[in-house]
Amino acid sequence: RGSLPRTTSGKLRRSECRARYLANQ
């Protein structure tokens, strides 16, 4: 919980999720 990257307004940053996934981070 709290690991999904979000903007300062709380919206999900799906592109950052994808980047972390592809980089295995």
PDBML (XML) file of the C-alpha atoms, coordinates in Angstrom:
<?xml version="1.0" encoding="UTF-8" ?>
<PDBx:datablock datablockName="MODEL"
   xmlns:PDBx="http://pdbml.pdb.org/schema/pdbx-v50.xsd"
   xmlns:xsi="http://www.w3.org/2001/XMLSchema-instance"
   xsi:schemaLocation="http://pdbml.pdb.org/schema/pdbx-v50.xsd pdbx-v50.xsd">
   <PDBx:atom_siteCategory>
      <PDBx:atom_site id="1">
         <PDBx:B_iso_or_equiv>0.00</PDBx:B_iso_or_equiv>
         <PDBx:Cartn_x>0.000</PDBx:Cartn_x>
         <PDBx:Cartn_y>0.000</PDBx:Cartn_y>
         <PDBx:Cartn_z>0.000</PDBx:Cartn_z>
         <PDBx:auth_asym_id>A</PDBx:auth_asym_id>
         <PDBx:auth_atom_id>CA</PDBx:auth_atom_id>
         <PDBx:auth_comp_id>ARG</PDBx:auth_comp_id>
         <PDBx:auth_seq_id>1</PDBx:auth_seq_id>
         <PDBx:group_PDB>ATOM</PDBx:group_PDB>
         <PDBx:label_alt_id xsi:nil="true" />
         <PDBx:label_asym_id>A</PDBx:label_asym_id>
         <PDBx:label_atom_id>CA</PDBx:label_atom_id>
         <PDBx:label_comp_id>ARG</PDBx:label_comp_id>
         <PDBx:label_entity_id>1</PDBx:label_entity_id>
         <PDBx:label_seq_id>1</PDBx:label_seq_id>
         <PDBx:occupancy>1.00</PDBx:occupancy>
         <PDBx:pdbx_PDB_model_num>1</PDBx:pdbx_PDB_model_num>
         <PDBx:type_symbol>C</PDBx:type_symbol>
      </PDBx:atom_site>
      <PDBx:atom_site id="2">
         <PDBx:B_iso_or_equiv>0.00</PDBx:B_iso_or_equiv>
         <PDBx:Cartn_x>1.351</PDBx:Cartn_x>
         <PDBx:Cartn_y>3.417</PDBx:Cartn_y>
         <PDBx:Cartn_z>-0.983</PDBx:Cartn_z>
         <PDBx:auth_asym_id>A</PDBx:auth_asym_id>
         <PDBx:auth_atom_id>CA</PDBx:auth_atom_id>
         <PDBx:auth_comp_id>GLY</PDBx:auth_comp_id>
         <PDBx:auth_seq_id>2</PDBx:auth_seq_id>
         <PDBx:group_PDB>ATOM</PDBx:group_PDB>
         <PDBx:label_alt_id xsi:nil="true" />
         <PDBx:label_asym_id>A</PDBx:label_asym_id>
         <PDBx:label_atom_id>CA</PDBx:label_atom_id>
         <PDBx:label_comp_id>GLY</PDBx:label_comp_id>
         <PDBx:label_entity_id>1</PDBx:label_entity_id>
         <PDBx:label_seq_id>2</PDBx:label_seq_id>
         <PDBx:occupancy>1.00</PDBx:occupancy>
         <PDBx:pdbx_PDB_model_num>1</PDBx:pdbx_PDB_model_num>
         <PDBx:type_symbol>C</PDBx:type_symbol>
      </PDBx:atom_site>
      <PDBx:atom_site id="3">
         <PDBx:B_iso_or_equiv>0.00</PDBx:B_iso_or_equiv>
         <PDBx:Cartn_x>3.751</PDBx:Cartn_x>
         <PDBx:Cartn_y>2.031</PDBx:Cartn_y>
         <PDBx:Cartn_z>-3.629</PDBx:Cartn_z>
         <PDBx:auth_asym_id>A</PDBx:auth_asym_id>
         <PDBx:auth_atom_id>CA</PDBx:auth_atom_id>
         <PDBx:auth_comp_id>SER</PDBx:auth_comp_id>
         <PDBx:auth_seq_id>3</PDBx:auth_seq_id>
         <PDBx:group_PDB>ATOM</PDBx:group_PDB>
         <PDBx:label_alt_id xsi:nil="true" />
         <PDBx:label_asym_id>A</PDBx:label_asym_id>
         <PDBx:label_atom_id>CA</PDBx:label_atom_id>
         <PDBx:label_comp_id>SER</PDBx:label_comp_id>
         <PDBx:label_entity_id>1</PDBx:label_entity_id>
         <PDBx:label_seq_id>3</PDBx:label_seq_id>
         <PDBx:occupancy>1.00</PDBx:occupancy>
         <PDBx:pdbx_PDB_model_num>1</PDBx:pdbx_PDB_model_num>
         <PDBx:type_symbol>C</PDBx:type_symbol>
      </PDBx:atom_site>
      <PDBx:atom_site id="4">
         <PDBx:B_iso_or_equiv>0.00</PDBx:B_iso_or_equiv>
         <PDBx:Cartn_x>1.870</PDBx:Cartn_x>
         <PDBx:Cartn_y>3.116</PDBx:Cartn_y>
         <PDBx:Cartn_z>-6.747</PDBx:Cartn_z>
         <PDBx:auth_asym_id>A</PDBx:auth_asym_id>
         <PDBx:auth_atom_id>CA</PDBx:auth_atom_id>
         <PDBx:auth_comp_id>LEU</PDBx:auth_comp_id>
         <PDBx:auth_seq_id>4</PDBx:auth_seq_id>
         <PDBx:group_PDB>ATOM</PDBx:group_PDB>
         <PDBx:label_alt_id xsi:nil="true" />
         <PDBx:label_asym_id>A</PDBx:label_asym_id>
         <PDBx:label_atom_id>CA</PDBx:label_atom_id>
         <PDBx:label_comp_id>LEU</PDBx:label_comp_id>
         <PDBx:label_entity_id>1</PDBx:label_entity_id>
         <PDBx:label_seq_id>4</PDBx:label_seq_id>
         <PDBx:occupancy>1.00</PDBx:occupancy>
         <PDBx:pdbx_PDB_model_num>1</PDBx:pdbx_PDB_model_num>
         <PDBx:type_symbol>C</PDBx:type_symbol>
      </PDBx:atom_site>
      <PDBx:atom_site id="5">
         <PDBx:B_iso_or_equiv>0.00</PDBx:B_iso_or_equiv>
         <PDBx:Cartn_x>3.383</PDBx:Cartn_x>
         <PDBx:Cartn_y>6.323</PDBx:Cartn_y>
         <PDBx:Cartn_z>-8.109</PDBx:Cartn_z>
         <PDBx:auth_asym_id>A</PDBx:auth_asym_id>
         <PDBx:auth_atom_id>CA</PDBx:auth_atom_id>
         <PDBx:auth_comp_id>PRO</PDBx:auth_comp_id>
         <PDBx:auth_seq_id>5</PDBx:auth_seq_id>
         <PDBx:group_PDB>ATOM</PDBx:group_PDB>
         <PDBx:label_alt_id xsi:nil="true" />
         <PDBx:label_asym_id>A</PDBx:label_asym_id>
         <PDBx:label_atom_id>CA</PDBx:label_atom_id>
         <PDBx:label_comp_id>PRO</PDBx:label_comp_id>
         <PDBx:label_entity_id>1</PDBx:label_entity_id>
         <PDBx:label_seq_id>5</PDBx:label_seq_id>
         <PDBx:occupancy>1.00</PDBx:occupancy>
         <PDBx:pdbx_PDB_model_num>1</PDBx:pdbx_PDB_model_num>
         <PDBx:type_symbol>C</PDBx:type_symbol>
      </PDBx:atom_site>
      <PDBx:atom_site id="6">
         <PDBx:B_iso_or_equiv>0.00</PDBx:B_iso_or_equiv>
         <PDBx:Cartn_x>0.961</PDBx:Cartn_x>
         <PDBx:Cartn_y>9.237</PDBx:Cartn_y>
         <PDBx:Cartn_z>-7.967</PDBx:Cartn_z>
         <PDBx:auth_asym_id>A</PDBx:auth_asym_id>
         <PDBx:auth_atom_id>CA</PDBx:auth_atom_id>
         <PDBx:auth_comp_id>ARG</PDBx:auth_comp_id>
         <PDBx:auth_seq_id>6</PDBx:auth_seq_id>
         <PDBx:group_PDB>ATOM</PDBx:group_PDB>
         <PDBx:label_alt_id xsi:nil="true" />
         <PDBx:label_asym_id>A</PDBx:label_asym_id>
         <PDBx:label_atom_id>CA</PDBx:label_atom_id>
         <PDBx:label_comp_id>ARG</PDBx:label_comp_id>
         <PDBx:label_entity_id>1</PDBx:label_entity_id>
         <PDBx:label_seq_id>6</PDBx:label_seq_id>
         <PDBx:occupancy>1.00</PDBx:occupancy>
         <PDBx:pdbx_PDB_model_num>1</PDBx:pdbx_PDB_model_num>
         <PDBx:type_symbol>C</PDBx:type_symbol>
      </PDBx:atom_site>
      <PDBx:atom_site id="7">
         <PDBx:B_iso_or_equiv>0.00</PDBx:B_iso_or_equiv>
         <PDBx:Cartn_x>0.894</PDBx:Cartn_x>
         <PDBx:Cartn_y>12.883</PDBx:Cartn_y>
         <PDBx:Cartn_z>-8.898</PDBx:Cartn_z>
         <PDBx:auth_asym_id>A</PDBx:auth_asym_id>
         <PDBx:auth_atom_id>CA</PDBx:auth_atom_id>
         <PDBx:auth_comp_id>THR</PDBx:auth_comp_id>
         <PDBx:auth_seq_id>7</PDBx:auth_seq_id>
         <PDBx:group_PDB>ATOM</PDBx:group_PDB>
         <PDBx:label_alt_id xsi:nil="true" />
         <PDBx:label_asym_id>A</PDBx:label_asym_id>
         <PDBx:label_atom_id>CA</PDBx:label_atom_id>
         <PDBx:label_comp_id>THR</PDBx:label_comp_id>
         <PDBx:label_entity_id>1</PDBx:label_entity_id>
         <PDBx:label_seq_id>7</PDBx:label_seq_id>
         <PDBx:occupancy>1.00</PDBx:occupancy>
         <PDBx:pdbx_PDB_model_num>1</PDBx:pdbx_PDB_model_num>
         <PDBx:type_symbol>C</PDBx:type_symbol>
      </PDBx:atom_site>
      <PDBx:atom_site id="8">
         <PDBx:B_iso_or_equiv>0.00</PDBx:B_iso_or_equiv>
         <PDBx:Cartn_x>0.753</PDBx:Cartn_x>
         <PDBx:Cartn_y>15.512</PDBx:Cartn_y>
         <PDBx:Cartn_z>-6.169</PDBx:Cartn_z>
         <PDBx:auth_asym_id>A</PDBx:auth_asym_id>
         <PDBx:auth_atom_id>CA</PDBx:auth_atom_id>
         <PDBx:auth_comp_id>THR</PDBx:auth_comp_id>
         <PDBx:auth_seq_id>8</PDBx:auth_seq_id>
         <PDBx:group_PDB>ATOM</PDBx:group_PDB>
         <PDBx:label_alt_id xsi:nil="true" />
         <PDBx:label_asym_id>A</PDBx:label_asym_id>
         <PDBx:label_atom_id>CA</PDBx:label_atom_id>
         <PDBx:label_comp_id>THR</PDBx:label_comp_id>
         <PDBx:label_entity_id>1</PDBx:label_entity_id>
         <PDBx:label_seq_id>8</PDBx:label_seq_id>
         <PDBx:occupancy>1.00</PDBx:occupancy>
         <PDBx:pdbx_PDB_model_num>1</PDBx:pdbx_PDB_model_num>
         <PDBx:type_symbol>C</PDBx:type_symbol>
      </PDBx:atom_site>
      <PDBx:atom_site id="9">
         <PDBx:B_iso_or_equiv>0.00</PDBx:B_iso_or_equiv>
         <PDBx:Cartn_x>-3.027</PDBx:Cartn_x>
         <PDBx:Cartn_y>15.556</PDBx:Cartn_y>
         <PDBx:Cartn_z>-6.619</PDBx:Cartn_z>
         <PDBx:auth_asym_id>A</PDBx:auth_asym_id>
         <PDBx:auth_atom_id>CA</PDBx:auth_atom_id>
         <PDBx:auth_comp_id>SER</PDBx:auth_comp_id>
         <PDBx:auth_seq_id>9</PDBx:auth_seq_id>
         <PDBx:group_PDB>ATOM</PDBx:group_PDB>
         <PDBx:label_alt_id xsi:nil="true" />
         <PDBx:label_asym_id>A</PDBx:label_asym_id>
         <PDBx:label_atom_id>CA</PDBx:label_atom_id>
         <PDBx:label_comp_id>SER</PDBx:label_comp_id>
         <PDBx:label_entity_id>1</PDBx:label_entity_id>
         <PDBx:label_seq_id>9</PDBx:label_seq_id>
         <PDBx:occupancy>1.00</PDBx:occupancy>
         <PDBx:pdbx_PDB_model_num>1</PDBx:pdbx_PDB_model_num>
         <PDBx:type_symbol>C</PDBx:type_symbol>
      </PDBx:atom_site>
      <PDBx:atom_site id="10">
         <PDBx:B_iso_or_equiv>0.00</PDBx:B_iso_or_equiv>
         <PDBx:Cartn_x>-3.236</PDBx:Cartn_x>
         <PDBx:Cartn_y>11.779</PDBx:Cartn_y>
         <PDBx:Cartn_z>-6.056</PDBx:Cartn_z>
         <PDBx:auth_asym_id>A</PDBx:auth_asym_id>
         <PDBx:auth_atom_id>CA</PDBx:auth_atom_id>
         <PDBx:auth_comp_id>GLY</PDBx:auth_comp_id>
         <PDBx:auth_seq_id>10</PDBx:auth_seq_id>
         <PDBx:group_PDB>ATOM</PDBx:group_PDB>
         <PDBx:label_alt_id xsi:nil="true" />
         <PDBx:label_asym_id>A</PDBx:label_asym_id>
         <PDBx:label_atom_id>CA</PDBx:label_atom_id>
         <PDBx:label_comp_id>GLY</PDBx:label_comp_id>
         <PDBx:label_entity_id>1</PDBx:label_entity_id>
         <PDBx:label_seq_id>10</PDBx:label_seq_id>
         <PDBx:occupancy>1.00</PDBx:occupancy>
         <PDBx:pdbx_PDB_model_num>1</PDBx:pdbx_PDB_model_num>
         <PDBx:type_symbol>C</PDBx:type_symbol>
      </PDBx:atom_site>
      <PDBx:atom_site id="11">
         <PDBx:B_iso_or_equiv>0.00</PDBx:B_iso_or_equiv>
         <PDBx:Cartn_x>-3.805</PDBx:Cartn_x>
         <PDBx:Cartn_y>10.579</PDBx:Cartn_y>
         <PDBx:Cartn_z>-9.629</PDBx:Cartn_z>
         <PDBx:auth_asym_id>A</PDBx:auth_asym_id>
         <PDBx:auth_atom_id>CA</PDBx:auth_atom_id>
         <PDBx:auth_comp_id>LYS</PDBx:auth_comp_id>
         <PDBx:auth_seq_id>11</PDBx:auth_seq_id>
         <PDBx:group_PDB>ATOM</PDBx:group_PDB>
         <PDBx:label_alt_id xsi:nil="true" />
         <PDBx:label_asym_id>A</PDBx:label_asym_id>
         <PDBx:label_atom_id>CA</PDBx:label_atom_id>
         <PDBx:label_comp_id>LYS</PDBx:label_comp_id>
         <PDBx:label_entity_id>1</PDBx:label_entity_id>
         <PDBx:label_seq_id>11</PDBx:label_seq_id>
         <PDBx:occupancy>1.00</PDBx:occupancy>
         <PDBx:pdbx_PDB_model_num>1</PDBx:pdbx_PDB_model_num>
         <PDBx:type_symbol>C</PDBx:type_symbol>
      </PDBx:atom_site>
      <PDBx:atom_site id="12">
         <PDBx:B_iso_or_equiv>0.00</PDBx:B_iso_or_equiv>
         <PDBx:Cartn_x>-2.077</PDBx:Cartn_x>
         <PDBx:Cartn_y>7.369</PDBx:Cartn_y>
         <PDBx:Cartn_z>-10.695</PDBx:Cartn_z>
         <PDBx:auth_asym_id>A</PDBx:auth_asym_id>
         <PDBx:auth_atom_id>CA</PDBx:auth_atom_id>
         <PDBx:auth_comp_id>LEU</PDBx:auth_comp_id>
         <PDBx:auth_seq_id>12</PDBx:auth_seq_id>
         <PDBx:group_PDB>ATOM</PDBx:group_PDB>
         <PDBx:label_alt_id xsi:nil="true" />
         <PDBx:label_asym_id>A</PDBx:label_asym_id>
         <PDBx:label_atom_id>CA</PDBx:label_atom_id>
         <PDBx:label_comp_id>LEU</PDBx:label_comp_id>
         <PDBx:label_entity_id>1</PDBx:label_entity_id>
         <PDBx:label_seq_id>12</PDBx:label_seq_id>
         <PDBx:occupancy>1.00</PDBx:occupancy>
         <PDBx:pdbx_PDB_model_num>1</PDBx:pdbx_PDB_model_num>
         <PDBx:type_symbol>C</PDBx:type_symbol>
      </PDBx:atom_site>
      <PDBx:atom_site id="13">
         <PDBx:B_iso_or_equiv>0.00</PDBx:B_iso_or_equiv>
         <PDBx:Cartn_x>1.027</PDBx:Cartn_x>
         <PDBx:Cartn_y>7.743</PDBx:Cartn_y>
         <PDBx:Cartn_z>-12.845</PDBx:Cartn_z>
         <PDBx:auth_asym_id>A</PDBx:auth_asym_id>
         <PDBx:auth_atom_id>CA</PDBx:auth_atom_id>
         <PDBx:auth_comp_id>ARG</PDBx:auth_comp_id>
         <PDBx:auth_seq_id>13</PDBx:auth_seq_id>
         <PDBx:group_PDB>ATOM</PDBx:group_PDB>
         <PDBx:label_alt_id xsi:nil="true" />
         <PDBx:label_asym_id>A</PDBx:label_asym_id>
         <PDBx:label_atom_id>CA</PDBx:label_atom_id>
         <PDBx:label_comp_id>ARG</PDBx:label_comp_id>
         <PDBx:label_entity_id>1</PDBx:label_entity_id>
         <PDBx:label_seq_id>13</PDBx:label_seq_id>
         <PDBx:occupancy>1.00</PDBx:occupancy>
         <PDBx:pdbx_PDB_model_num>1</PDBx:pdbx_PDB_model_num>
         <PDBx:type_symbol>C</PDBx:type_symbol>
      </PDBx:atom_site>
      <PDBx:atom_site id="14">
         <PDBx:B_iso_or_equiv>0.00</PDBx:B_iso_or_equiv>
         <PDBx:Cartn_x>0.536</PDBx:Cartn_x>
         <PDBx:Cartn_y>4.722</PDBx:Cartn_y>
         <PDBx:Cartn_z>-15.098</PDBx:Cartn_z>
         <PDBx:auth_asym_id>A</PDBx:auth_asym_id>
         <PDBx:auth_atom_id>CA</PDBx:auth_atom_id>
         <PDBx:auth_comp_id>ARG</PDBx:auth_comp_id>
         <PDBx:auth_seq_id>14</PDBx:auth_seq_id>
         <PDBx:group_PDB>ATOM</PDBx:group_PDB>
         <PDBx:label_alt_id xsi:nil="true" />
         <PDBx:label_asym_id>A</PDBx:label_asym_id>
         <PDBx:label_atom_id>CA</PDBx:label_atom_id>
         <PDBx:label_comp_id>ARG</PDBx:label_comp_id>
         <PDBx:label_entity_id>1</PDBx:label_entity_id>
         <PDBx:label_seq_id>14</PDBx:label_seq_id>
         <PDBx:occupancy>1.00</PDBx:occupancy>
         <PDBx:pdbx_PDB_model_num>1</PDBx:pdbx_PDB_model_num>
         <PDBx:type_symbol>C</PDBx:type_symbol>
      </PDBx:atom_site>
      <PDBx:atom_site id="15">
         <PDBx:B_iso_or_equiv>0.00</PDBx:B_iso_or_equiv>
         <PDBx:Cartn_x>3.502</PDBx:Cartn_x>
         <PDBx:Cartn_y>5.588</PDBx:Cartn_y>
         <PDBx:Cartn_z>-17.311</PDBx:Cartn_z>
         <PDBx:auth_asym_id>A</PDBx:auth_asym_id>
         <PDBx:auth_atom_id>CA</PDBx:auth_atom_id>
         <PDBx:auth_comp_id>SER</PDBx:auth_comp_id>
         <PDBx:auth_seq_id>15</PDBx:auth_seq_id>
         <PDBx:group_PDB>ATOM</PDBx:group_PDB>
         <PDBx:label_alt_id xsi:nil="true" />
         <PDBx:label_asym_id>A</PDBx:label_asym_id>
         <PDBx:label_atom_id>CA</PDBx:label_atom_id>
         <PDBx:label_comp_id>SER</PDBx:label_comp_id>
         <PDBx:label_entity_id>1</PDBx:label_entity_id>
         <PDBx:label_seq_id>15</PDBx:label_seq_id>
         <PDBx:occupancy>1.00</PDBx:occupancy>
         <PDBx:pdbx_PDB_model_num>1</PDBx:pdbx_PDB_model_num>
         <PDBx:type_symbol>C</PDBx:type_symbol>
      </PDBx:atom_site>
      <PDBx:atom_site id="16">
         <PDBx:B_iso_or_equiv>0.00</PDBx:B_iso_or_equiv>
         <PDBx:Cartn_x>5.748</PDBx:Cartn_x>
         <PDBx:Cartn_y>5.511</PDBx:Cartn_y>
         <PDBx:Cartn_z>-14.230</PDBx:Cartn_z>
         <PDBx:auth_asym_id>A</PDBx:auth_asym_id>
         <PDBx:auth_atom_id>CA</PDBx:auth_atom_id>
         <PDBx:auth_comp_id>GLU</PDBx:auth_comp_id>
         <PDBx:auth_seq_id>16</PDBx:auth_seq_id>
         <PDBx:group_PDB>ATOM</PDBx:group_PDB>
         <PDBx:label_alt_id xsi:nil="true" />
         <PDBx:label_asym_id>A</PDBx:label_asym_id>
         <PDBx:label_atom_id>CA</PDBx:label_atom_id>
         <PDBx:label_comp_id>GLU</PDBx:label_comp_id>
         <PDBx:label_entity_id>1</PDBx:label_entity_id>
         <PDBx:label_seq_id>16</PDBx:label_seq_id>
         <PDBx:occupancy>1.00</PDBx:occupancy>
         <PDBx:pdbx_PDB_model_num>1</PDBx:pdbx_PDB_model_num>
         <PDBx:type_symbol>C</PDBx:type_symbol>
      </PDBx:atom_site>
      <PDBx:atom_site id="17">
         <PDBx:B_iso_or_equiv>0.00</PDBx:B_iso_or_equiv>
         <PDBx:Cartn_x>4.202</PDBx:Cartn_x>
         <PDBx:Cartn_y>2.167</PDBx:Cartn_y>
         <PDBx:Cartn_z>-13.205</PDBx:Cartn_z>
         <PDBx:auth_asym_id>A</PDBx:auth_asym_id>
         <PDBx:auth_atom_id>CA</PDBx:auth_atom_id>
         <PDBx:auth_comp_id>CYS</PDBx:auth_comp_id>
         <PDBx:auth_seq_id>17</PDBx:auth_seq_id>
         <PDBx:group_PDB>ATOM</PDBx:group_PDB>
         <PDBx:label_alt_id xsi:nil="true" />
         <PDBx:label_asym_id>A</PDBx:label_asym_id>
         <PDBx:label_atom_id>CA</PDBx:label_atom_id>
         <PDBx:label_comp_id>CYS</PDBx:label_comp_id>
         <PDBx:label_entity_id>1</PDBx:label_entity_id>
         <PDBx:label_seq_id>17</PDBx:label_seq_id>
         <PDBx:occupancy>1.00</PDBx:occupancy>
         <PDBx:pdbx_PDB_model_num>1</PDBx:pdbx_PDB_model_num>
         <PDBx:type_symbol>C</PDBx:type_symbol>
      </PDBx:atom_site>
      <PDBx:atom_site id="18">
         <PDBx:B_iso_or_equiv>0.00</PDBx:B_iso_or_equiv>
         <PDBx:Cartn_x>5.029</PDBx:Cartn_x>
         <PDBx:Cartn_y>0.817</PDBx:Cartn_y>
         <PDBx:Cartn_z>-16.656</PDBx:Cartn_z>
         <PDBx:auth_asym_id>A</PDBx:auth_asym_id>
         <PDBx:auth_atom_id>CA</PDBx:auth_atom_id>
         <PDBx:auth_comp_id>ARG</PDBx:auth_comp_id>
         <PDBx:auth_seq_id>18</PDBx:auth_seq_id>
         <PDBx:group_PDB>ATOM</PDBx:group_PDB>
         <PDBx:label_alt_id xsi:nil="true" />
         <PDBx:label_asym_id>A</PDBx:label_asym_id>
         <PDBx:label_atom_id>CA</PDBx:label_atom_id>
         <PDBx:label_comp_id>ARG</PDBx:label_comp_id>
         <PDBx:label_entity_id>1</PDBx:label_entity_id>
         <PDBx:label_seq_id>18</PDBx:label_seq_id>
         <PDBx:occupancy>1.00</PDBx:occupancy>
         <PDBx:pdbx_PDB_model_num>1</PDBx:pdbx_PDB_model_num>
         <PDBx:type_symbol>C</PDBx:type_symbol>
      </PDBx:atom_site>
      <PDBx:atom_site id="19">
         <PDBx:B_iso_or_equiv>0.00</PDBx:B_iso_or_equiv>
         <PDBx:Cartn_x>8.586</PDBx:Cartn_x>
         <PDBx:Cartn_y>2.187</PDBx:Cartn_y>
         <PDBx:Cartn_z>-16.559</PDBx:Cartn_z>
         <PDBx:auth_asym_id>A</PDBx:auth_asym_id>
         <PDBx:auth_atom_id>CA</PDBx:auth_atom_id>
         <PDBx:auth_comp_id>ALA</PDBx:auth_comp_id>
         <PDBx:auth_seq_id>19</PDBx:auth_seq_id>
         <PDBx:group_PDB>ATOM</PDBx:group_PDB>
         <PDBx:label_alt_id xsi:nil="true" />
         <PDBx:label_asym_id>A</PDBx:label_asym_id>
         <PDBx:label_atom_id>CA</PDBx:label_atom_id>
         <PDBx:label_comp_id>ALA</PDBx:label_comp_id>
         <PDBx:label_entity_id>1</PDBx:label_entity_id>
         <PDBx:label_seq_id>19</PDBx:label_seq_id>
         <PDBx:occupancy>1.00</PDBx:occupancy>
         <PDBx:pdbx_PDB_model_num>1</PDBx:pdbx_PDB_model_num>
         <PDBx:type_symbol>C</PDBx:type_symbol>
      </PDBx:atom_site>
      <PDBx:atom_site id="20">
         <PDBx:B_iso_or_equiv>0.00</PDBx:B_iso_or_equiv>
         <PDBx:Cartn_x>9.237</PDBx:Cartn_x>
         <PDBx:Cartn_y>0.588</PDBx:Cartn_y>
         <PDBx:Cartn_z>-13.166</PDBx:Cartn_z>
         <PDBx:auth_asym_id>A</PDBx:auth_asym_id>
         <PDBx:auth_atom_id>CA</PDBx:auth_atom_id>
         <PDBx:auth_comp_id>ARG</PDBx:auth_comp_id>
         <PDBx:auth_seq_id>20</PDBx:auth_seq_id>
         <PDBx:group_PDB>ATOM</PDBx:group_PDB>
         <PDBx:label_alt_id xsi:nil="true" />
         <PDBx:label_asym_id>A</PDBx:label_asym_id>
         <PDBx:label_atom_id>CA</PDBx:label_atom_id>
         <PDBx:label_comp_id>ARG</PDBx:label_comp_id>
         <PDBx:label_entity_id>1</PDBx:label_entity_id>
         <PDBx:label_seq_id>20</PDBx:label_seq_id>
         <PDBx:occupancy>1.00</PDBx:occupancy>
         <PDBx:pdbx_PDB_model_num>1</PDBx:pdbx_PDB_model_num>
         <PDBx:type_symbol>C</PDBx:type_symbol>
      </PDBx:atom_site>
      <PDBx:atom_site id="21">
         <PDBx:B_iso_or_equiv>0.00</PDBx:B_iso_or_equiv>
         <PDBx:Cartn_x>7.716</PDBx:Cartn_x>
         <PDBx:Cartn_y>-2.682</PDBx:Cartn_y>
         <PDBx:Cartn_z>-14.344</PDBx:Cartn_z>
         <PDBx:auth_asym_id>A</PDBx:auth_asym_id>
         <PDBx:auth_atom_id>CA</PDBx:auth_atom_id>
         <PDBx:auth_comp_id>TYR</PDBx:auth_comp_id>
         <PDBx:auth_seq_id>21</PDBx:auth_seq_id>
         <PDBx:group_PDB>ATOM</PDBx:group_PDB>
         <PDBx:label_alt_id xsi:nil="true" />
         <PDBx:label_asym_id>A</PDBx:label_asym_id>
         <PDBx:label_atom_id>CA</PDBx:label_atom_id>
         <PDBx:label_comp_id>TYR</PDBx:label_comp_id>
         <PDBx:label_entity_id>1</PDBx:label_entity_id>
         <PDBx:label_seq_id>21</PDBx:label_seq_id>
         <PDBx:occupancy>1.00</PDBx:occupancy>
         <PDBx:pdbx_PDB_model_num>1</PDBx:pdbx_PDB_model_num>
         <PDBx:type_symbol>C</PDBx:type_symbol>
      </PDBx:atom_site>
      <PDBx:atom_site id="22">
         <PDBx:B_iso_or_equiv>0.00</PDBx:B_iso_or_equiv>
         <PDBx:Cartn_x>9.836</PDBx:Cartn_x>
         <PDBx:Cartn_y>-2.836</PDBx:Cartn_y>
         <PDBx:Cartn_z>-17.504</PDBx:Cartn_z>
         <PDBx:auth_asym_id>A</PDBx:auth_asym_id>
         <PDBx:auth_atom_id>CA</PDBx:auth_atom_id>
         <PDBx:auth_comp_id>LEU</PDBx:auth_comp_id>
         <PDBx:auth_seq_id>22</PDBx:auth_seq_id>
         <PDBx:group_PDB>ATOM</PDBx:group_PDB>
         <PDBx:label_alt_id xsi:nil="true" />
         <PDBx:label_asym_id>A</PDBx:label_asym_id>
         <PDBx:label_atom_id>CA</PDBx:label_atom_id>
         <PDBx:label_comp_id>LEU</PDBx:label_comp_id>
         <PDBx:label_entity_id>1</PDBx:label_entity_id>
         <PDBx:label_seq_id>22</PDBx:label_seq_id>
         <PDBx:occupancy>1.00</PDBx:occupancy>
         <PDBx:pdbx_PDB_model_num>1</PDBx:pdbx_PDB_model_num>
         <PDBx:type_symbol>C</PDBx:type_symbol>
      </PDBx:atom_site>
      <PDBx:atom_site id="23">
         <PDBx:B_iso_or_equiv>0.00</PDBx:B_iso_or_equiv>
         <PDBx:Cartn_x>12.968</PDBx:Cartn_x>
         <PDBx:Cartn_y>-1.932</PDBx:Cartn_y>
         <PDBx:Cartn_z>-15.518</PDBx:Cartn_z>
         <PDBx:auth_asym_id>A</PDBx:auth_asym_id>
         <PDBx:auth_atom_id>CA</PDBx:auth_atom_id>
         <PDBx:auth_comp_id>ALA</PDBx:auth_comp_id>
         <PDBx:auth_seq_id>23</PDBx:auth_seq_id>
         <PDBx:group_PDB>ATOM</PDBx:group_PDB>
         <PDBx:label_alt_id xsi:nil="true" />
         <PDBx:label_asym_id>A</PDBx:label_asym_id>
         <PDBx:label_atom_id>CA</PDBx:label_atom_id>
         <PDBx:label_comp_id>ALA</PDBx:label_comp_id>
         <PDBx:label_entity_id>1</PDBx:label_entity_id>
         <PDBx:label_seq_id>23</PDBx:label_seq_id>
         <PDBx:occupancy>1.00</PDBx:occupancy>
         <PDBx:pdbx_PDB_model_num>1</PDBx:pdbx_PDB_model_num>
         <PDBx:type_symbol>C</PDBx:type_symbol>
      </PDBx:atom_site>
      <PDBx:atom_site id="24">
         <PDBx:B_iso_or_equiv>0.00</PDBx:B_iso_or_equiv>
         <PDBx:Cartn_x>12.102</PDBx:Cartn_x>
         <PDBx:Cartn_y>-4.597</PDBx:Cartn_y>
         <PDBx:Cartn_z>-12.912</PDBx:Cartn_z>
         <PDBx:auth_asym_id>A</PDBx:auth_asym_id>
         <PDBx:auth_atom_id>CA</PDBx:auth_atom_id>
         <PDBx:auth_comp_id>ASN</PDBx:auth_comp_id>
         <PDBx:auth_seq_id>24</PDBx:auth_seq_id>
         <PDBx:group_PDB>ATOM</PDBx:group_PDB>
         <PDBx:label_alt_id xsi:nil="true" />
         <PDBx:label_asym_id>A</PDBx:label_asym_id>
         <PDBx:label_atom_id>CA</PDBx:label_atom_id>
         <PDBx:label_comp_id>ASN</PDBx:label_comp_id>
         <PDBx:label_entity_id>1</PDBx:label_entity_id>
         <PDBx:label_seq_id>24</PDBx:label_seq_id>
         <PDBx:occupancy>1.00</PDBx:occupancy>
         <PDBx:pdbx_PDB_model_num>1</PDBx:pdbx_PDB_model_num>
         <PDBx:type_symbol>C</PDBx:type_symbol>
      </PDBx:atom_site>
      <PDBx:atom_site id="25">
         <PDBx:B_iso_or_equiv>0.00</PDBx:B_iso_or_equiv>
         <PDBx:Cartn_x>12.245</PDBx:Cartn_x>
         <PDBx:Cartn_y>-1.943</PDBx:Cartn_y>
         <PDBx:Cartn_z>-10.189</PDBx:Cartn_z>
         <PDBx:auth_asym_id>A</PDBx:auth_asym_id>
         <PDBx:auth_atom_id>CA</PDBx:auth_atom_id>
         <PDBx:auth_comp_id>GLN</PDBx:auth_comp_id>
         <PDBx:auth_seq_id>25</PDBx:auth_seq_id>
         <PDBx:group_PDB>ATOM</PDBx:group_PDB>
         <PDBx:label_alt_id xsi:nil="true" />
         <PDBx:label_asym_id>A</PDBx:label_asym_id>
         <PDBx:label_atom_id>CA</PDBx:label_atom_id>
         <PDBx:label_comp_id>GLN</PDBx:label_comp_id>
         <PDBx:label_entity_id>1</PDBx:label_entity_id>
         <PDBx:label_seq_id>25</PDBx:label_seq_id>
         <PDBx:occupancy>1.00</PDBx:occupancy>
         <PDBx:pdbx_PDB_model_num>1</PDBx:pdbx_PDB_model_num>
         <PDBx:type_symbol>C</PDBx:type_symbol>
      </PDBx:atom_site>
   </PDBx:atom_siteCategory>
</PDBx:datablock>
